Amino acid sequence: MKQEMYLKKNSDFQEVYHGGRSLANKSLVMYVLARGKERPSRIGMSVSRKVGNSVVRHRVKRLIRESHRRNRHRIADGLDIVVIARNEAKNRNYWDIERDFLHLAAMHHILERESV
């Protein structure tokens, strides 16, 4: 059976919120929960209505998803990651979101390899 790359169930999100460690910067909050090296890492995203209307929220979610997709080879296996967009995220472009995403990943010490 193929392992899922995204967190979708509320119970999975709650498990990460309650058992994980959180760090934040200006535009994102990242929760990380280790769950065993043999499983691939999964990511979930949360963008509140406070960030903006549905167009803005989906744009922010796409930027976070693309940041993860382009850098997932650098992230350690066996982690559940939840990224929450703060209100400031709506004013950021892709490069800012990616930099903020990698900054939080580095602070969590979950980056395994440097890109070549």
PDB file of N, CA and C in Angstrom:
ATOM      1  N   MET A   1       0.830  -1.182   0.000  1.00  0.00           N
ATOM      2  CA  MET A   1       0.000   0.000   0.000  1.00  0.00           C
ATOM      3  C   MET A   1       0.883   1.258   0.000  1.00  0.00           C
ATOM      4  N   LYS A   2       0.539   2.207  -0.828  1.00  0.00           N
ATOM      5  CA  LYS A   2       1.309   3.450  -0.933  1.00  0.00           C
ATOM      6  C   LYS A   2       1.078   4.311   0.311  1.00  0.00           C
ATOM      7  N   GLN A   3       2.166   4.843   0.856  1.00  0.00           N
ATOM      8  CA  GLN A   3       2.068   5.716   2.021  1.00  0.00           C
ATOM      9  C   GLN A   3       1.571   7.092   1.585  1.00  0.00           C
ATOM     10  N   GLU A   4       0.682   7.659   2.349  1.00  0.00           N
ATOM     11  CA  GLU A   4       0.140   8.986   2.077  1.00  0.00           C
ATOM     12  C   GLU A   4       1.174  10.061   2.421  1.00  0.00           C
ATOM     13  N   MET A   5       1.286  11.090   1.590  1.00  0.00           N
ATOM     14  CA  MET A   5       2.257  12.159   1.799  1.00  0.00           C
ATOM     15  C   MET A   5       1.653  13.312   2.613  1.00  0.00           C
ATOM     16  N   TYR A   6       0.322  13.407   2.677  1.00  0.00           N
ATOM     17  CA  TYR A   6      -0.327  14.518   3.354  1.00  0.00           C
ATOM     18  C   TYR A   6      -1.141  14.047   4.545  1.00  0.00           C
ATOM     19  N   LEU A   7      -1.169  14.868   5.578  1.00  0.00           N
ATOM     20  CA  LEU A   7      -2.055  14.637   6.716  1.00  0.00           C
ATOM     21  C   LEU A   7      -3.425  15.160   6.314  1.00  0.00           C
ATOM     22  N   LYS A   8      -4.472  14.360   6.529  1.00  0.00           N
ATOM     23  CA  LYS A   8      -5.808  14.791   6.136  1.00  0.00           C
ATOM     24  C   LYS A   8      -6.817  14.685   7.272  1.00  0.00           C
ATOM     25  N   LYS A   9      -6.634  13.715   8.143  1.00  0.00           N
ATOM     26  CA  LYS A   9      -7.606  13.499   9.215  1.00  0.00           C
ATOM     27  C   LYS A   9      -7.380  14.462  10.370  1.00  0.00           C
ATOM     28  N   ASN A  10      -8.478  14.914  10.952  1.00  0.00           N
ATOM     29  CA  ASN A  10      -8.402  15.796  12.113  1.00  0.00           C
ATOM     30  C   ASN A  10      -7.638  15.114  13.245  1.00  0.00           C
ATOM     31  N   SER A  11      -7.826  13.810  13.411  1.00  0.00           N
ATOM     32  CA  SER A  11      -7.138  13.094  14.492  1.00  0.00           C
ATOM     33  C   SER A  11      -5.620  13.124  14.294  1.00  0.00           C
ATOM     34  N   ASP A  12      -5.155  13.067  13.049  1.00  0.00           N
ATOM     35  CA  ASP A  12      -3.715  13.165  12.772  1.00  0.00           C
ATOM     36  C   ASP A  12      -3.189  14.557  13.142  1.00  0.00           C
ATOM     37  N   PHE A  13      -3.950  15.596  12.783  1.00  0.00           N
ATOM     38  CA  PHE A  13      -3.552  16.958  13.132  1.00  0.00           C
ATOM     39  C   PHE A  13      -3.500  17.122  14.647  1.00  0.00           C
ATOM     40  N   GLN A  14      -4.521  16.634  15.339  1.00  0.00           N
ATOM     41  CA  GLN A  14      -4.578  16.766  16.798  1.00  0.00           C
ATOM     42  C   GLN A  14      -3.413  16.046  17.466  1.00  0.00           C
ATOM     43  N   GLU A  15      -3.046  14.885  16.935  1.00  0.00           N
ATOM     44  CA  GLU A  15      -1.910  14.136  17.471  1.00  0.00           C
ATOM     45  C   GLU A  15      -0.613  14.951  17.368  1.00  0.00           C
ATOM     46  N   VAL A  16      -0.426  15.617  16.239  1.00  0.00           N
ATOM     47  CA  VAL A  16       0.772  16.439  16.043  1.00  0.00           C
ATOM     48  C   VAL A  16       0.724  17.666  16.951  1.00  0.00           C
ATOM     49  N   TYR A  17      -0.450  18.306  17.055  1.00  0.00           N
ATOM     50  CA  TYR A  17      -0.571  19.483  17.916  1.00  0.00           C
ATOM     51  C   TYR A  17      -0.246  19.151  19.371  1.00  0.00           C
ATOM     52  N   HIS A  18      -0.767  18.022  19.856  1.00  0.00           N
ATOM     53  CA  HIS A  18      -0.620  17.685  21.268  1.00  0.00           C
ATOM     54  C   HIS A  18       0.714  17.024  21.591  1.00  0.00           C
ATOM     55  N   GLY A  19       1.274  16.270  20.654  1.00  0.00           N
ATOM     56  CA  GLY A  19       2.512  15.557  20.930  1.00  0.00           C
ATOM     57  C   GLY A  19       3.747  16.157  20.304  1.00  0.00           C
ATOM     58  N   GLY A  20       3.557  17.104  19.395  1.00  0.00           N
ATOM     59  CA  GLY A  20       4.689  17.659  18.661  1.00  0.00           C
ATOM     60  C   GLY A  20       5.279  18.887  19.307  1.00  0.00           C
ATOM     61  N   ARG A  21       6.348  19.343  18.691  1.00  0.00           N
ATOM     62  CA  ARG A  21       7.063  20.543  19.148  1.00  0.00           C
ATOM     63  C   ARG A  21       6.793  21.643  18.134  1.00  0.00           C
ATOM     64  N   SER A  22       6.549  22.863  18.601  1.00  0.00           N
ATOM     65  CA  SER A  22       6.231  23.948  17.669  1.00  0.00           C
ATOM     66  C   SER A  22       7.256  25.065  17.742  1.00  0.00           C
ATOM     67  N   LEU A  23       7.519  25.628  16.585  1.00  0.00           N
ATOM     68  CA  LEU A  23       8.356  26.817  16.450  1.00  0.00           C
ATOM     69  C   LEU A  23       7.691  27.715  15.420  1.00  0.00           C
ATOM     70  N   ALA A  24       7.962  29.013  15.512  1.00  0.00           N
ATOM     71  CA  ALA A  24       7.290  29.950  14.611  1.00  0.00           C
ATOM     72  C   ALA A  24       8.251  31.036  14.146  1.00  0.00           C
ATOM     73  N   ASN A  25       7.904  31.617  13.003  1.00  0.00           N
ATOM     74  CA  ASN A  25       8.562  32.837  12.555  1.00  0.00           C
ATOM     75  C   ASN A  25       7.467  33.813  12.136  1.00  0.00           C
ATOM     76  N   LYS A  26       7.805  34.812  11.379  1.00  0.00           N
ATOM     77  CA  LYS A  26       6.853  35.884  11.091  1.00  0.00           C
ATOM     78  C   LYS A  26       5.604  35.410  10.341  1.00  0.00           C
ATOM     79  N   SER A  27       5.749  34.462   9.424  1.00  0.00           N
ATOM     80  CA  SER A  27       4.603  34.093   8.595  1.00  0.00           C
ATOM     81  C   SER A  27       4.105  32.660   8.776  1.00  0.00           C
ATOM     82  N   LEU A  28       4.880  31.793   9.422  1.00  0.00           N
ATOM     83  CA  LEU A  28       4.475  30.387   9.563  1.00  0.00           C
ATOM     84  C   LEU A  28       4.715  29.879  10.978  1.00  0.00           C
ATOM     85  N   VAL A  29       3.940  28.866  11.348  1.00  0.00           N
ATOM     86  CA  VAL A  29       4.158  28.097  12.569  1.00  0.00           C
ATOM     87  C   VAL A  29       4.316  26.647  12.115  1.00  0.00           C
ATOM     88  N   MET A  30       5.322  25.933  12.644  1.00  0.00           N
ATOM     89  CA  MET A  30       5.552  24.547  12.246  1.00  0.00           C
ATOM     90  C   MET A  30       5.567  23.650  13.481  1.00  0.00           C
ATOM     91  N   TYR A  31       4.706  22.634  13.453  1.00  0.00           N
ATOM     92  CA  TYR A  31       4.691  21.589  14.471  1.00  0.00           C
ATOM     93  C   TYR A  31       5.332  20.353  13.864  1.00  0.00           C
ATOM     94  N   VAL A  32       6.187  19.667  14.626  1.00  0.00           N
ATOM     95  CA  VAL A  32       6.848  18.461  14.141  1.00  0.00           C
ATOM     96  C   VAL A  32       6.711  17.368  15.198  1.00  0.00           C
ATOM     97  N   LEU A  33       6.313  16.169  14.745  1.00  0.00           N
ATOM     98  CA  LEU A  33       6.196  15.002  15.611  1.00  0.00           C
ATOM     99  C   LEU A  33       6.898  13.828  14.951  1.00  0.00           C
ATOM    100  N   ALA A  34       7.875  13.235  15.649  1.00  0.00           N
ATOM    101  CA  ALA A  34       8.574  12.057  15.125  1.00  0.00           C
ATOM    102  C   ALA A  34       7.665  10.845  15.286  1.00  0.00           C
ATOM    103  N   ARG A  35       7.647   9.967  14.267  1.00  0.00           N
ATOM    104  CA  ARG A  35       6.787   8.779  14.341  1.00  0.00           C
ATOM    105  C   ARG A  35       7.455   7.514  13.835  1.00  0.00           C
ATOM    106  N   GLY A  36       8.758   7.521  13.648  1.00  0.00           N
ATOM    107  CA  GLY A  36       9.466   6.315  13.223  1.00  0.00           C
ATOM    108  C   GLY A  36      10.146   6.488  11.885  1.00  0.00           C
ATOM    109  N   LYS A  37      11.440   6.214  11.829  1.00  0.00           N
ATOM    110  CA  LYS A  37      12.244   6.441  10.614  1.00  0.00           C
ATOM    111  C   LYS A  37      11.806   5.618   9.410  1.00  0.00           C
ATOM    112  N   GLU A  38      11.146   4.485   9.631  1.00  0.00           N
ATOM    113  CA  GLU A  38      10.809   3.605   8.511  1.00  0.00           C
ATOM    114  C   GLU A  38       9.668   4.150   7.653  1.00  0.00           C
ATOM    115  N   ARG A  39       8.974   5.161   8.129  1.00  0.00           N
ATOM    116  CA  ARG A  39       7.851   5.725   7.376  1.00  0.00           C
ATOM    117  C   ARG A  39       8.246   7.060   6.758  1.00  0.00           C
ATOM    118  N   PRO A  40       7.720   7.359   5.573  1.00  0.00           N
ATOM    119  CA  PRO A  40       8.030   8.663   4.964  1.00  0.00           C
ATOM    120  C   PRO A  40       7.353   9.797   5.732  1.00  0.00           C
ATOM    121  N   SER A  41       7.917  10.970   5.649  1.00  0.00           N
ATOM    122  CA  SER A  41       7.342  12.140   6.312  1.00  0.00           C
ATOM    123  C   SER A  41       6.045  12.556   5.639  1.00  0.00           C
ATOM    124  N   ARG A  42       5.135  13.082   6.453  1.00  0.00           N
ATOM    125  CA  ARG A  42       3.856  13.591   5.948  1.00  0.00           C
ATOM    126  C   ARG A  42       3.712  15.043   6.386  1.00  0.00           C
ATOM    127  N   ILE A  43       2.996  15.825   5.579  1.00  0.00           N
ATOM    128  CA  ILE A  43       2.793  17.243   5.892  1.00  0.00           C
ATOM    129  C   ILE A  43       1.309  17.568   5.830  1.00  0.00           C
ATOM    130  N   GLY A  44       0.909  18.457   6.707  1.00  0.00           N
ATOM    131  CA  GLY A  44      -0.451  18.985   6.700  1.00  0.00           C
ATOM    132  C   GLY A  44      -0.357  20.501   6.785  1.00  0.00           C
ATOM    133  N   MET A  45      -1.337  21.184   6.203  1.00  0.00           N
ATOM    134  CA  MET A  45      -1.329  22.637   6.203  1.00  0.00           C
ATOM    135  C   MET A  45      -2.650  23.153   6.733  1.00  0.00           C
ATOM    136  N   SER A  46      -2.578  24.252   7.451  1.00  0.00           N
ATOM    137  CA  SER A  46      -3.768  24.894   7.975  1.00  0.00           C
ATOM    138  C   SER A  46      -3.666  26.390   7.709  1.00  0.00           C
ATOM    139  N   VAL A  47      -4.687  26.913   7.029  1.00  0.00           N
ATOM    140  CA  VAL A  47      -4.739  28.345   6.748  1.00  0.00           C
ATOM    141  C   VAL A  47      -6.114  28.836   7.186  1.00  0.00           C
ATOM    142  N   SER A  48      -6.140  29.635   8.216  1.00  0.00           N
ATOM    143  CA  SER A  48      -7.373  30.114   8.834  1.00  0.00           C
ATOM    144  C   SER A  48      -8.074  31.160   7.974  1.00  0.00           C
ATOM    145  N   ARG A  49      -9.352  31.351   8.239  1.00  0.00           N
ATOM    146  CA  ARG A  49     -10.101  32.411   7.568  1.00  0.00           C
ATOM    147  C   ARG A  49      -9.559  33.791   7.903  1.00  0.00           C
ATOM    148  N   LYS A  50      -8.864  33.891   9.015  1.00  0.00           N
ATOM    149  CA  LYS A  50      -8.280  35.174   9.418  1.00  0.00           C
ATOM    150  C   LYS A  50      -7.219  35.651   8.420  1.00  0.00           C
ATOM    151  N   VAL A  51      -6.651  34.693   7.661  1.00  0.00           N
ATOM    152  CA  VAL A  51      -5.614  35.039   6.682  1.00  0.00           C
ATOM    153  C   VAL A  51      -6.228  35.753   5.480  1.00  0.00           C
ATOM    154  N   GLY A  52      -7.430  35.386   5.103  1.00  0.00           N
ATOM    155  CA  GLY A  52      -8.068  36.040   3.960  1.00  0.00           C
ATOM    156  C   GLY A  52      -9.211  35.216   3.412  1.00  0.00           C
ATOM    157  N   ASN A  53      -9.725  35.651   2.261  1.00  0.00           N
ATOM    158  CA  ASN A  53     -10.814  34.903   1.633  1.00  0.00           C
ATOM    159  C   ASN A  53     -10.280  33.615   1.007  1.00  0.00           C
ATOM    160  N   SER A  54     -11.137  32.825   0.400  1.00  0.00           N
ATOM    161  CA  SER A  54     -10.727  31.506  -0.085  1.00  0.00           C
ATOM    162  C   SER A  54      -9.625  31.581  -1.140  1.00  0.00           C
ATOM    163  N   VAL A  55      -9.640  32.607  -1.980  1.00  0.00           N
ATOM    164  CA  VAL A  55      -8.608  32.754  -3.007  1.00  0.00           C
ATOM    165  C   VAL A  55      -7.242  32.958  -2.351  1.00  0.00           C
ATOM    166  N   VAL A  56      -7.191  33.808  -1.365  1.00  0.00           N
ATOM    167  CA  VAL A  56      -5.944  34.092  -0.655  1.00  0.00           C
ATOM    168  C   VAL A  56      -5.479  32.852   0.100  1.00  0.00           C
ATOM    169  N   ARG A  57      -6.401  32.181   0.808  1.00  0.00           N
ATOM    170  CA  ARG A  57      -6.039  30.980   1.586  1.00  0.00           C
ATOM    171  C   ARG A  57      -5.492  29.885   0.684  1.00  0.00           C
ATOM    172  N   HIS A  58      -6.116  29.663  -0.458  1.00  0.00           N
ATOM    173  CA  HIS A  58      -5.639  28.617  -1.372  1.00  0.00           C
ATOM    174  C   HIS A  58      -4.284  28.976  -1.971  1.00  0.00           C
ATOM    175  N   ARG A  59      -4.056  30.250  -2.241  1.00  0.00           N
ATOM    176  CA  ARG A  59      -2.754  30.686  -2.750  1.00  0.00           C
ATOM    177  C   ARG A  59      -1.664  30.405  -1.726  1.00  0.00           C
ATOM    178  N   VAL A  60      -1.910  30.755  -0.486  1.00  0.00           N
ATOM    179  CA  VAL A  60      -0.933  30.519   0.578  1.00  0.00           C
ATOM    180  C   VAL A  60      -0.685  29.015   0.726  1.00  0.00           C
ATOM    181  N   LYS A  61      -1.736  28.234   0.665  1.00  0.00           N
ATOM    182  CA  LYS A  61      -1.593  26.782   0.786  1.00  0.00           C
ATOM    183  C   LYS A  61      -0.765  26.209  -0.370  1.00  0.00           C
ATOM    184  N   ARG A  62      -0.998  26.704  -1.574  1.00  0.00           N
ATOM    185  CA  ARG A  62      -0.207  26.252  -2.730  1.00  0.00           C
ATOM    186  C   ARG A  62       1.257  26.602  -2.568  1.00  0.00           C
ATOM    187  N   LEU A  63       1.548  27.797  -2.042  1.00  0.00           N
ATOM    188  CA  LEU A  63       2.945  28.208  -1.843  1.00  0.00           C
ATOM    189  C   LEU A  63       3.639  27.312  -0.815  1.00  0.00           C
ATOM    190  N   ILE A  64       2.948  26.983   0.267  1.00  0.00           N
ATOM    191  CA  ILE A  64       3.520  26.094   1.289  1.00  0.00           C
ATOM    192  C   ILE A  64       3.733  24.700   0.704  1.00  0.00           C
ATOM    193  N   ARG A  65       2.740  24.196  -0.020  1.00  0.00           N
ATOM    194  CA  ARG A  65       2.835  22.865  -0.621  1.00  0.00           C
ATOM    195  C   ARG A  65       3.997  22.783  -1.607  1.00  0.00           C
ATOM    196  N   GLU A  66       4.186  23.828  -2.406  1.00  0.00           N
ATOM    197  CA  GLU A  66       5.288  23.849  -3.373  1.00  0.00           C
ATOM    198  C   GLU A  66       6.638  23.944  -2.666  1.00  0.00           C
ATOM    199  N   SER A  67       6.704  24.706  -1.587  1.00  0.00           N
ATOM    200  CA  SER A  67       7.942  24.786  -0.802  1.00  0.00           C
ATOM    201  C   SER A  67       8.321  23.413  -0.266  1.00  0.00           C
ATOM    202  N   HIS A  68       7.341  22.682   0.212  1.00  0.00           N
ATOM    203  CA  HIS A  68       7.595  21.331   0.708  1.00  0.00           C
ATOM    204  C   HIS A  68       8.003  20.406  -0.438  1.00  0.00           C
ATOM    205  N   ARG A  69       7.280  20.475  -1.563  1.00  0.00           N
ATOM    206  CA  ARG A  69       7.565  19.585  -2.692  1.00  0.00           C
ATOM    207  C   ARG A  69       8.991  19.765  -3.193  1.00  0.00           C
ATOM    208  N   ARG A  70       9.439  21.004  -3.300  1.00  0.00           N
ATOM    209  CA  ARG A  70      10.784  21.269  -3.823  1.00  0.00           C
ATOM    210  C   ARG A  70      11.891  20.913  -2.845  1.00  0.00           C
ATOM    211  N   ASN A  71      11.568  20.757  -1.580  1.00  0.00           N
ATOM    212  CA  ASN A  71      12.592  20.503  -0.562  1.00  0.00           C
ATOM    213  C   ASN A  71      12.378  19.215   0.220  1.00  0.00           C
ATOM    214  N   ARG A  72      11.412  18.389  -0.168  1.00  0.00           N
ATOM    215  CA  ARG A  72      11.121  17.191   0.628  1.00  0.00           C
ATOM    216  C   ARG A  72      12.265  16.186   0.637  1.00  0.00           C
ATOM    217  N   HIS A  73      13.119  16.214  -0.380  1.00  0.00           N
ATOM    218  CA  HIS A  73      14.274  15.303  -0.393  1.00  0.00           C
ATOM    219  C   HIS A  73      15.265  15.652   0.717  1.00  0.00           C
ATOM    220  N   ARG A  74      15.190  16.869   1.245  1.00  0.00           N
ATOM    221  CA  ARG A  74      16.094  17.307   2.311  1.00  0.00           C
ATOM    222  C   ARG A  74      15.540  17.024   3.707  1.00  0.00           C
ATOM    223  N   ILE A  75      14.241  16.742   3.807  1.00  0.00           N
ATOM    224  CA  ILE A  75      13.592  16.564   5.109  1.00  0.00           C
ATOM    225  C   ILE A  75      13.712  15.109   5.546  1.00  0.00           C
ATOM    226  N   ALA A  76      14.052  14.910   6.810  1.00  0.00           N
ATOM    227  CA  ALA A  76      14.225  13.568   7.377  1.00  0.00           C
ATOM    228  C   ALA A  76      12.930  12.769   7.272  1.00  0.00           C
ATOM    229  N   ASP A  77      13.068  11.438   7.189  1.00  0.00           N
ATOM    230  CA  ASP A  77      11.912  10.543   7.160  1.00  0.00           C
ATOM    231  C   ASP A  77      11.359  10.353   8.562  1.00  0.00           C
ATOM    232  N   GLY A  78      10.115   9.870   8.614  1.00  0.00           N
ATOM    233  CA  GLY A  78       9.512   9.503   9.877  1.00  0.00           C
ATOM    234  C   GLY A  78       8.933  10.653  10.673  1.00  0.00           C
ATOM    235  N   LEU A  79       8.535  11.726   9.993  1.00  0.00           N
ATOM    236  CA  LEU A  79       8.003  12.896  10.702  1.00  0.00           C
ATOM    237  C   LEU A  79       6.601  13.233  10.220  1.00  0.00           C
ATOM    238  N   ASP A  80       5.786  13.725  11.137  1.00  0.00           N
ATOM    239  CA  ASP A  80       4.528  14.366  10.777  1.00  0.00           C
ATOM    240  C   ASP A  80       4.741  15.851  11.012  1.00  0.00           C
ATOM    241  N   ILE A  81       4.458  16.651   9.995  1.00  0.00           N
ATOM    242  CA  ILE A  81       4.693  18.094  10.048  1.00  0.00           C
ATOM    243  C   ILE A  81       3.376  18.810   9.764  1.00  0.00           C
ATOM    244  N   VAL A  82       3.037  19.767  10.608  1.00  0.00           N
ATOM    245  CA  VAL A  82       1.878  20.618  10.357  1.00  0.00           C
ATOM    246  C   VAL A  82       2.381  22.052  10.254  1.00  0.00           C
ATOM    247  N   VAL A  83       2.031  22.707   9.152  1.00  0.00           N
ATOM    248  CA  VAL A  83       2.427  24.100   8.925  1.00  0.00           C
ATOM    249  C   VAL A  83       1.160  24.949   8.974  1.00  0.00           C
ATOM    250  N   ILE A  84       1.190  25.949   9.845  1.00  0.00           N
ATOM    251  CA  ILE A  84       0.061  26.864   9.996  1.00  0.00           C
ATOM    252  C   ILE A  84       0.494  28.227   9.476  1.00  0.00           C
ATOM    253  N   ALA A  85      -0.311  28.776   8.580  1.00  0.00           N
ATOM    254  CA  ALA A  85      -0.004  30.099   8.015  1.00  0.00           C
ATOM    255  C   ALA A  85      -0.511  31.179   8.961  1.00  0.00           C
ATOM    256  N   ARG A  86       0.345  32.143   9.237  1.00  0.00           N
ATOM    257  CA  ARG A  86      -0.059  33.312  10.002  1.00  0.00           C
ATOM    258  C   ARG A  86      -0.573  34.376   9.041  1.00  0.00           C
ATOM    259  N   ASN A  87      -1.196  35.397   9.592  1.00  0.00           N
ATOM    260  CA  ASN A  87      -1.787  36.461   8.776  1.00  0.00           C
ATOM    261  C   ASN A  87      -0.765  37.113   7.844  1.00  0.00           C
ATOM    262  N   GLU A  88       0.475  37.224   8.276  1.00  0.00           N
ATOM    263  CA  GLU A  88       1.534  37.840   7.474  1.00  0.00           C
ATOM    264  C   GLU A  88       1.812  37.064   6.184  1.00  0.00           C
ATOM    265  N   ALA A  89       1.487  35.778   6.144  1.00  0.00           N
ATOM    266  CA  ALA A  89       1.782  34.933   4.974  1.00  0.00           C
ATOM    267  C   ALA A  89       1.083  35.431   3.709  1.00  0.00           C
ATOM    268  N   LYS A  90      -0.058  36.086   3.858  1.00  0.00           N
ATOM    269  CA  LYS A  90      -0.786  36.539   2.663  1.00  0.00           C
ATOM    270  C   LYS A  90      -0.037  37.618   1.890  1.00  0.00           C
ATOM    271  N   ASN A  91       0.899  38.306   2.558  1.00  0.00           N
ATOM    272  CA  ASN A  91       1.659  39.375   1.911  1.00  0.00           C
ATOM    273  C   ASN A  91       2.999  38.895   1.356  1.00  0.00           C
ATOM    274  N   ARG A  92       3.286  37.604   1.450  1.00  0.00           N
ATOM    275  CA  ARG A  92       4.589  37.076   1.065  1.00  0.00           C
ATOM    276  C   ARG A  92       4.514  36.410  -0.307  1.00  0.00           C
ATOM    277  N   ASN A  93       5.647  36.437  -1.027  1.00  0.00           N
ATOM    278  CA  ASN A  93       5.721  35.727  -2.299  1.00  0.00           C
ATOM    279  C   ASN A  93       6.295  34.325  -2.070  1.00  0.00           C
ATOM    280  N   TYR A  94       6.446  33.555  -3.150  1.00  0.00           N
ATOM    281  CA  TYR A  94       6.908  32.171  -3.013  1.00  0.00           C
ATOM    282  C   TYR A  94       8.267  32.097  -2.326  1.00  0.00           C
ATOM    283  N   TRP A  95       9.198  32.944  -2.726  1.00  0.00           N
ATOM    284  CA  TRP A  95      10.561  32.860  -2.193  1.00  0.00           C
ATOM    285  C   TRP A  95      10.594  33.165  -0.698  1.00  0.00           C
ATOM    286  N   ASP A  96       9.745  34.079  -0.260  1.00  0.00           N
ATOM    287  CA  ASP A  96       9.657  34.386   1.169  1.00  0.00           C
ATOM    288  C   ASP A  96       9.084  33.199   1.948  1.00  0.00           C
ATOM    289  N   ILE A  97       8.029  32.597   1.405  1.00  0.00           N
ATOM    290  CA  ILE A  97       7.412  31.437   2.073  1.00  0.00           C
ATOM    291  C   ILE A  97       8.404  30.279   2.123  1.00  0.00           C
ATOM    292  N   GLU A  98       9.112  30.030   1.027  1.00  0.00           N
ATOM    293  CA  GLU A  98      10.087  28.944   1.018  1.00  0.00           C
ATOM    294  C   GLU A  98      11.201  29.208   2.039  1.00  0.00           C
ATOM    295  N   ARG A  99      11.681  30.435   2.091  1.00  0.00           N
ATOM    296  CA  ARG A  99      12.719  30.782   3.058  1.00  0.00           C
ATOM    297  C   ARG A  99      12.213  30.583   4.491  1.00  0.00           C
ATOM    298  N   ASP A 100      10.981  31.004   4.756  1.00  0.00           N
ATOM    299  CA  ASP A 100      10.406  30.821   6.095  1.00  0.00           C
ATOM    300  C   ASP A 100      10.221  29.339   6.419  1.00  0.00           C
ATOM    301  N   PHE A 101       9.788  28.554   5.434  1.00  0.00           N
ATOM    302  CA  PHE A 101       9.604  27.106   5.613  1.00  0.00           C
ATOM    303  C   PHE A 101      10.943  26.439   5.952  1.00  0.00           C
ATOM    304  N   LEU A 102      11.984  26.758   5.182  1.00  0.00           N
ATOM    305  CA  LEU A 102      13.300  26.162   5.418  1.00  0.00           C
ATOM    306  C   LEU A 102      13.916  26.657   6.729  1.00  0.00           C
ATOM    307  N   HIS A 103      13.649  27.901   7.078  1.00  0.00           N
ATOM    308  CA  HIS A 103      14.129  28.437   8.355  1.00  0.00           C
ATOM    309  C   HIS A 103      13.558  27.625   9.517  1.00  0.00           C
ATOM    310  N   LEU A 104      12.256  27.363   9.480  1.00  0.00           N
ATOM    311  CA  LEU A 104      11.630  26.580  10.555  1.00  0.00           C
ATOM    312  C   LEU A 104      12.121  25.136  10.543  1.00  0.00           C
ATOM    313  N   ALA A 105      12.287  24.557   9.356  1.00  0.00           N
ATOM    314  CA  ALA A 105      12.800  23.189   9.260  1.00  0.00           C
ATOM    315  C   ALA A 105      14.202  23.101   9.855  1.00  0.00           C
ATOM    316  N   ALA A 106      15.043  24.098   9.589  1.00  0.00           N
ATOM    317  CA  ALA A 106      16.395  24.120  10.145  1.00  0.00           C
ATOM    318  C   ALA A 106      16.346  24.275  11.667  1.00  0.00           C
ATOM    319  N   MET A 107      15.442  25.113  12.170  1.00  0.00           N
ATOM    320  CA  MET A 107      15.317  25.303  13.616  1.00  0.00           C
ATOM    321  C   MET A 107      14.863  24.020  14.307  1.00  0.00           C
ATOM    322  N   HIS A 108      14.045  23.219  13.602  1.00  0.00           N
ATOM    323  CA  HIS A 108      13.584  21.932  14.134  1.00  0.00           C
ATOM    324  C   HIS A 108      14.639  20.832  13.960  1.00  0.00           C
ATOM    325  N   HIS A 109      15.710  21.130  13.236  1.00  0.00           N
ATOM    326  CA  HIS A 109      16.775  20.149  12.932  1.00  0.00           C
ATOM    327  C   HIS A 109      16.229  18.938  12.182  1.00  0.00           C
ATOM    328  N   ILE A 110      15.382  19.192  11.181  1.00  0.00           N
ATOM    329  CA  ILE A 110      14.820  18.088  10.393  1.00  0.00           C
ATOM    330  C   ILE A 110      15.368  18.059   8.968  1.00  0.00           C
ATOM    331  N   LEU A 111      16.266  18.976   8.636  1.00  0.00           N
ATOM    332  CA  LEU A 111      16.892  18.942   7.319  1.00  0.00           C
ATOM    333  C   LEU A 111      18.047  17.957   7.376  1.00  0.00           C
ATOM    334  N   GLU A 112      17.979  16.916   6.546  1.00  0.00           N
ATOM    335  CA  GLU A 112      19.013  15.873   6.560  1.00  0.00           C
ATOM    336  C   GLU A 112      20.184  16.206   5.658  1.00  0.00           C
ATOM    337  N   ARG A 113      19.870  16.523   4.417  1.00  0.00           N
ATOM    338  CA  ARG A 113      20.919  16.686   3.427  1.00  0.00           C
ATOM    339  C   ARG A 113      20.809  18.052   2.783  1.00  0.00           C
ATOM    340  N   GLU A 114      21.946  18.582   2.431  1.00  0.00           N
ATOM    341  CA  GLU A 114      21.953  19.821   1.657  1.00  0.00           C
ATOM    342  C   GLU A 114      21.728  19.487   0.198  1.00  0.00           C
ATOM    343  N   SER A 115      21.049  20.354  -0.520  1.00  0.00           N
ATOM    344  CA  SER A 115      20.816  20.105  -1.936  1.00  0.00           C
ATOM    345  C   SER A 115      22.143  20.251  -2.688  1.00  0.00           C
ATOM    346  N   VAL A 116      22.247  19.513  -3.777  1.00  0.00           N
ATOM    347  CA  VAL A 116      23.478  19.509  -4.561  1.00  0.00           C
ATOM    348  C   VAL A 116      23.366  20.455  -5.713  1.00  0.00           C
TER     349      VAL A 116
END
